Amino acid sequence: MILEYIRYRVTDAEEFEAAYRRAVVPLGQAPQCLDYDLSRCVDEPECYILRIEWTSAKGHMEGFRNSDHFAAFFGEIKPFVSNIEEMRHYEQIIKKTEPSLFDWAGGAEALERLTGVFYGHVLKDDLIGPLFAHMNPDHPKYVAMWLGEVFGGPDRYTQERGGYPHMLSQHLGKALTEQQRRRWVNLLMDAADEVELPADPEFRAAFASYIEWGTRLAVHNSQPGATPPTKAPVPHWGWGVAPPYQG
């Protein structure tokens, strides 16, 4: 992750803010953009700072800059480009930290225990078992790697399994149903209880939030004719914040 700061000095605050309210729509839709905010200086009200979190400097300069999202974004803020006083990328050195969902869950060992028990139940299930009849014996470990990276652990799924594009490829054309999705979710939640993942409401709410989001996106992407983005980072899930992905 890399931070970009753009510092403006403008005289027409109303027009500037209106332009950015329009511009952040395509910005937020870009898979390379993780977060953003626009702040106005209290001491010098004509000064503004736009902060954008990018997946990487390359993702910003080569991915976003060559996309339709950038064209739409730039079209809105173009009148204010001459008001930019600084535009640079920064790397965080010190930051306030909190335990990741990965650490709170118990790390890789806990997630592998979860997926091992879960897929044991899946294979016995009459509704979704047939989907996994020819499953790779290591599939539970791969899913644990995916969940680990999503929840703030090591990026092993990206480095060893091909990241988001590989995960997407596993769902394309499968025409998954809502009934199958619900069964998958129910079995996973039962497995979470069985292996005794942390039961505090904050963790379980964040865990369930990702499972709902991810499985609904998988169903959408699996339908005939679906055209999801083929290149995107693995989503990073925190304590209640969803990434800006578009289905």
Protein backbone atom coordinates (compact mmCIF):
# COMPACT_ATOMS: atom_id res chain seq x y z
CA MET A 1 0.00 0.00 0.00
CA ILE A 2 1.23 3.51 -0.85
CA LEU A 3 -0.15 6.94 0.08
CA GLU A 4 -0.52 9.82 -2.33
CA TYR A 5 -0.99 13.35 -1.04
CA ILE A 6 -2.20 16.14 -3.33
CA ARG A 7 -2.17 19.64 -1.83
CA TYR A 8 -4.35 22.33 -3.41
CA ARG A 9 -4.77 26.05 -2.89
CA VAL A 10 -8.10 27.18 -4.36
CA THR A 11 -10.25 30.31 -4.20
CA ASP A 12 -13.58 28.83 -5.34
CA ALA A 13 -14.22 26.33 -2.57
CA GLU A 14 -17.81 25.60 -3.62
CA GLU A 15 -16.91 24.61 -7.18
CA PHE A 16 -13.83 22.70 -6.05
CA GLU A 17 -15.69 20.62 -3.50
CA ALA A 18 -18.54 19.96 -5.93
CA ALA A 19 -16.06 18.76 -8.54
CA TYR A 20 -14.47 16.35 -6.07
CA ARG A 21 -17.82 14.98 -4.93
CA ARG A 22 -18.31 13.93 -8.56
CA ALA A 23 -14.71 12.85 -9.08
CA VAL A 24 -14.56 10.46 -6.14
CA VAL A 25 -17.22 8.24 -7.72
CA PRO A 26 -14.92 6.84 -10.45
CA LEU A 27 -11.95 7.08 -8.06
CA GLY A 28 -13.71 4.83 -5.55
CA GLN A 29 -14.66 2.37 -8.30
CA ALA A 30 -11.03 1.87 -9.35
CA PRO A 31 -9.65 -1.42 -7.94
CA GLN A 32 -6.26 0.22 -7.38
CA CYS A 33 -7.78 2.74 -4.93
CA LEU A 34 -8.14 1.40 -1.39
CA ASP A 35 -9.33 4.57 0.36
CA TYR A 36 -9.44 8.33 0.00
CA ASP A 37 -10.44 11.51 1.80
CA LEU A 38 -10.40 15.23 1.09
CA SER A 39 -9.63 17.60 3.98
CA ARG A 40 -9.82 21.38 4.24
CA CYS A 41 -7.37 23.39 6.31
CA VAL A 42 -8.91 25.14 9.33
CA ASP A 43 -6.14 27.75 9.55
CA GLU A 44 -6.00 28.49 5.81
CA PRO A 45 -9.42 27.56 4.36
CA GLU A 46 -8.20 27.91 0.78
CA CYS A 47 -5.87 24.92 1.32
CA TYR A 48 -7.02 21.34 0.77
CA ILE A 49 -5.28 17.97 0.96
CA LEU A 50 -6.47 14.90 -0.94
CA ARG A 51 -5.19 11.64 0.55
CA ILE A 52 -5.46 8.48 -1.53
CA GLU A 53 -4.40 4.97 -0.51
CA TRP A 54 -3.25 3.00 -3.56
CA THR A 55 -2.41 -0.69 -3.78
CA SER A 56 1.03 0.44 -5.01
CA ALA A 57 2.68 3.32 -6.86
CA LYS A 58 2.69 1.13 -9.98
CA GLY A 59 -0.99 0.37 -9.52
CA HIS A 60 -1.65 4.10 -9.46
CA MET A 61 0.66 5.22 -12.25
CA GLU A 62 0.20 2.29 -14.65
CA GLY A 63 -3.12 0.77 -13.65
CA PHE A 64 -5.34 3.69 -12.67
CA ARG A 65 -3.75 6.26 -14.97
CA ASN A 66 -4.46 4.04 -18.02
CA SER A 67 -8.05 3.26 -17.07
CA ASP A 68 -11.47 4.69 -17.87
CA HIS A 69 -11.80 5.47 -14.16
CA PHE A 70 -8.93 7.95 -14.43
CA ALA A 71 -10.43 9.59 -17.51
CA ALA A 72 -13.70 10.17 -15.65
CA PHE A 73 -11.88 11.33 -12.50
CA PHE A 74 -9.58 13.72 -14.35
CA GLY A 75 -12.45 15.15 -16.38
CA GLU A 76 -14.01 16.46 -13.17
CA ILE A 77 -10.92 17.91 -11.48
CA LYS A 78 -9.08 19.16 -14.59
CA PRO A 79 -10.05 22.83 -13.99
CA PHE A 80 -8.17 22.71 -10.69
CA VAL A 81 -4.93 21.04 -11.78
CA SER A 82 -3.15 24.40 -11.92
CA ASN A 83 -4.01 24.85 -8.21
CA ILE A 84 -1.91 21.85 -7.15
CA GLU A 85 1.04 22.79 -4.95
CA GLU A 86 2.25 19.27 -4.14
CA MET A 87 1.57 15.78 -5.53
CA ARG A 88 3.74 12.96 -4.15
CA HIS A 89 3.68 9.33 -3.07
CA TYR A 90 4.53 8.45 0.53
CA GLU A 91 5.26 5.18 2.30
CA GLN A 92 4.04 4.79 5.89
CA ILE A 93 6.80 4.43 8.48
CA ILE A 94 4.86 4.57 11.75
CA LYS A 95 1.12 4.02 12.13
CA LYS A 96 -1.41 3.31 14.82
CA THR A 97 -2.02 -0.40 14.83
CA GLU A 98 -4.69 -2.77 16.02
CA PRO A 99 -4.75 -6.56 15.87
CA SER A 100 -5.70 -7.83 12.44
CA LEU A 101 -8.62 -10.21 12.02
CA PHE A 102 -5.99 -12.79 11.04
CA ASP A 103 -4.19 -12.45 14.37
CA TRP A 104 -7.42 -12.26 16.34
CA ALA A 105 -8.67 -15.47 14.74
CA GLY A 106 -5.53 -17.33 15.80
CA GLY A 107 -3.40 -17.07 12.67
CA ALA A 108 -2.81 -19.58 9.90
CA GLU A 109 -3.21 -22.59 12.16
CA ALA A 110 -6.71 -21.57 13.22
CA LEU A 111 -7.83 -20.85 9.66
CA GLU A 112 -6.45 -24.17 8.40
CA ARG A 113 -8.30 -25.91 11.20
CA LEU A 114 -11.45 -24.05 10.16
CA THR A 115 -11.24 -24.92 6.47
CA GLY A 116 -10.27 -28.53 7.19
CA VAL A 117 -13.40 -29.10 9.28
CA PHE A 118 -15.54 -27.03 6.92
CA TYR A 119 -14.66 -28.94 3.75
CA GLY A 120 -15.14 -32.20 5.59
CA HIS A 121 -18.77 -31.16 6.05
CA VAL A 122 -19.00 -29.78 2.51
CA LEU A 123 -18.07 -33.10 0.92
CA LYS A 124 -20.92 -34.80 2.80
CA ASP A 125 -23.52 -32.20 1.85
CA ASP A 126 -26.11 -33.12 -0.75
CA LEU A 127 -26.47 -29.58 -2.16
CA ILE A 128 -22.91 -28.29 -2.49
CA GLY A 129 -20.94 -31.51 -2.07
CA PRO A 130 -21.13 -32.33 -5.81
CA LEU A 131 -19.43 -29.00 -6.63
CA PHE A 132 -16.34 -30.20 -4.74
CA ALA A 133 -16.43 -33.89 -5.68
CA HIS A 134 -13.08 -33.61 -7.50
CA MET A 135 -11.53 -31.11 -5.12
CA ASN A 136 -7.75 -30.92 -4.83
CA PRO A 137 -6.78 -32.42 -1.44
CA ASP A 138 -4.94 -29.17 -0.67
CA HIS A 139 -7.95 -26.99 -1.48
CA PRO A 140 -8.82 -26.38 2.21
CA LYS A 141 -5.28 -25.09 2.80
CA TYR A 142 -5.53 -22.80 -0.22
CA VAL A 143 -8.80 -21.33 1.05
CA ALA A 144 -7.18 -20.82 4.46
CA MET A 145 -4.37 -18.94 2.69
CA TRP A 146 -6.94 -16.75 0.91
CA LEU A 147 -8.79 -15.99 4.15
CA GLY A 148 -5.50 -15.29 5.89
CA GLU A 149 -4.50 -12.69 3.32
CA VAL A 150 -7.97 -11.14 3.26
CA PHE A 151 -7.94 -10.80 7.05
CA GLY A 152 -4.56 -9.08 7.23
CA GLY A 153 -2.12 -12.00 7.30
CA PRO A 154 0.76 -12.83 4.94
CA ASP A 155 0.13 -12.40 1.21
CA ARG A 156 0.74 -16.09 0.53
CA TYR A 157 -2.27 -16.50 -1.74
CA THR A 158 -1.01 -13.72 -3.99
CA GLN A 159 2.55 -15.00 -4.03
CA GLU A 160 1.84 -18.74 -4.29
CA ARG A 161 -1.60 -19.07 -5.90
CA GLY A 162 -1.96 -16.11 -8.25
CA GLY A 163 -4.05 -13.77 -6.09
CA TYR A 164 -7.45 -12.42 -7.06
CA PRO A 165 -7.31 -13.46 -10.75
CA HIS A 166 -6.85 -17.10 -9.76
CA MET A 167 -9.65 -16.99 -7.20
CA LEU A 168 -11.95 -15.36 -9.77
CA SER A 169 -11.16 -18.10 -12.29
CA GLN A 170 -12.49 -20.71 -9.87
CA HIS A 171 -15.99 -19.19 -10.03
CA LEU A 172 -16.43 -18.07 -13.65
CA GLY A 173 -19.16 -19.94 -15.47
CA LYS A 174 -20.22 -22.04 -12.47
CA ALA A 175 -23.73 -20.49 -12.30
CA LEU A 176 -23.85 -20.78 -8.52
CA THR A 177 -27.27 -20.40 -6.92
CA GLU A 178 -28.41 -18.46 -3.88
CA GLN A 179 -29.36 -21.76 -2.22
CA GLN A 180 -25.82 -23.08 -2.70
CA ARG A 181 -24.36 -19.83 -1.38
CA ARG A 182 -26.48 -19.96 1.77
CA ARG A 183 -25.56 -23.58 2.42
CA TRP A 184 -21.85 -22.73 2.00
CA VAL A 185 -22.18 -19.85 4.46
CA ASN A 186 -24.14 -21.91 6.99
CA LEU A 187 -21.64 -24.75 6.95
CA LEU A 188 -18.74 -22.34 7.36
CA MET A 189 -20.38 -20.60 10.31
CA ASP A 190 -21.07 -23.98 11.91
CA ALA A 191 -17.41 -24.93 11.38
CA ALA A 192 -16.30 -21.65 12.98
CA ASP A 193 -18.22 -22.64 16.10
CA GLU A 194 -16.92 -26.19 15.95
CA VAL A 195 -13.25 -25.17 15.85
CA GLU A 196 -13.91 -22.41 18.40
CA LEU A 197 -12.89 -19.35 16.48
CA PRO A 198 -13.21 -16.28 18.73
CA ALA A 199 -16.88 -15.79 19.56
CA ASP A 200 -16.82 -12.10 20.51
CA PRO A 201 -19.44 -10.11 18.58
CA GLU A 202 -16.91 -7.71 17.03
CA PHE A 203 -14.85 -10.48 15.43
CA ARG A 204 -17.81 -12.58 14.35
CA ALA A 205 -19.54 -9.55 12.83
CA ALA A 206 -16.45 -8.69 10.76
CA PHE A 207 -15.92 -12.35 9.81
CA ALA A 208 -19.55 -12.78 8.76
CA SER A 209 -19.48 -9.48 6.89
CA TYR A 210 -16.66 -10.67 4.63
CA ILE A 211 -18.23 -14.11 4.11
CA GLU A 212 -21.52 -12.51 3.06
CA TRP A 213 -19.77 -10.02 0.77
CA GLY A 214 -17.41 -12.56 -0.76
CA THR A 215 -19.99 -15.26 -1.40
CA ARG A 216 -22.50 -12.86 -2.91
CA LEU A 217 -19.79 -11.52 -5.20
CA ALA A 218 -18.82 -15.09 -6.14
CA VAL A 219 -22.42 -15.91 -7.10
CA HIS A 220 -22.65 -12.73 -9.19
CA ASN A 221 -19.34 -13.42 -10.94
CA SER A 222 -20.31 -17.04 -11.65
CA GLN A 223 -23.38 -16.22 -13.73
CA PRO A 224 -23.40 -16.67 -17.53
CA GLY A 225 -22.37 -13.46 -19.23
CA ALA A 226 -20.83 -11.92 -16.10
CA THR A 227 -17.89 -9.61 -16.83
CA PRO A 228 -16.17 -8.95 -13.49
CA PRO A 229 -12.82 -7.12 -13.39
CA THR A 230 -10.12 -9.69 -14.13
CA LYS A 231 -7.27 -7.86 -12.41
CA ALA A 232 -7.61 -6.62 -8.86
CA PRO A 233 -5.81 -7.08 -5.55
CA VAL A 234 -6.92 -9.55 -2.92
CA PRO A 235 -9.40 -7.62 -0.74
CA HIS A 236 -8.17 -6.60 2.69
CA TRP A 237 -10.88 -6.81 5.34
CA GLY A 238 -10.78 -5.02 8.65
CA TRP A 239 -13.04 -4.38 11.60
CA GLY A 240 -16.08 -3.24 9.64
CA VAL A 241 -14.72 -1.66 6.43
CA ALA A 242 -15.40 -3.12 2.99
CA PRO A 243 -13.03 -2.50 0.07
CA PRO A 244 -14.25 -0.45 -2.91
CA TYR A 245 -14.94 -3.34 -5.28
CA GLN A 246 -17.62 -3.24 -7.94
CA GLY A 247 -19.50 -6.39 -8.86
